[in-house]
């Protein structure tokens, strides 16, 4: 349980950077969803509630020793799979996808919490082994990751499913997976890409990829978001148009600007200077988390931090490049900034584990 003396070992600098990103996200959501004819939207208030719940989840993850969570990781993993199965058969359908569970006043997206479950079970699995993982170890770890990926992809939600891949690769690499194995995996992926294009991808997914290569071929359809994202980012200039003065987000030229494209709105309203501030905060968070992995007292803690951080970093990089029109459009939020309660709570809970590992580096 939490001891009073551990309070002094909490990484308050990391907490402050996380809260600044949350505050910046809430401000951008307020600006983007503000309607001069109807007044202020309530979406930013909902996001504030999500931040408060997320801080509660972070505090819960801090209260118990992280080894308590990893010891029960198999139960957490099984429970996660059960909930993902429930979503596939009985989940709430929105925008053509079955990804949510309706819980009274809000919708819960369990796939956002899968990153924590996979990070916990992989940290426990590889942490119990000694030496570099053998092929059998990698196969088992890959199977533990592939099962939730398959379930999430069935919803369908390929964006969130893809975030589990770097979790496995990062933990396996830190555990001692050789670079040549990683290279062979990359080669197998390239060889399998044509087969996946032919048999695995749906027509709308193929359209997204082709429209990324040439958005002008369907400027009013599949390529619309990418074109508008580029216009939004480029129109901000050096200092931006000012808070609530953006045209692309305010006039709804950019769809779901408060969610997937919140970074584009930041670039338009705050300009290159605001982008540097946001990216600087994200870089600080990532570096502090890496330091927590380095300072961990055992391999279990290091693997857990790296697993949580890998999914977070991948999501940040992809969303930023997507918002700039440099990656195919995918329903992947920008952690800590985009609108979305499940994403916010899951992200803050994950960083609760990161803080937990660093805080307990001096305990037995």
Foldseek 3Di string as FASTA:
>chain_A
DDDPVLVVLFPVVLVVLLVVLLVQLLLLLQLLQAAPVPGTDCLSVVSVVLLVLLVVLLVVLQRDFVVVCLVCLVVVLVVLLVVLVCQLPPADDDPRFRQWHDDVPDTAGSLLQVLLSLLSPLLSLLQVDDDQDDPVSLVVNVVSLVSSLVSCCSSPANPSSVLSVLLSVQLNVVSPDDVVVVVVVVVVCVVCVVVCVVPPDDPLVVVLVVCLVPVVVCCPPSSVQLVLLQVLLVQQAAAAPARSRGDCSNVVSHPLCLWLQSVSNQCHHGNPVSNVVSVVSVVVSLVVLCVLLVLFQGSSLNSSSSSLSSSLVVLQVQSVCSSNSNDGDHRGGNASNHRDSNSPSSNSSSVSSSSNRSSCSPPD
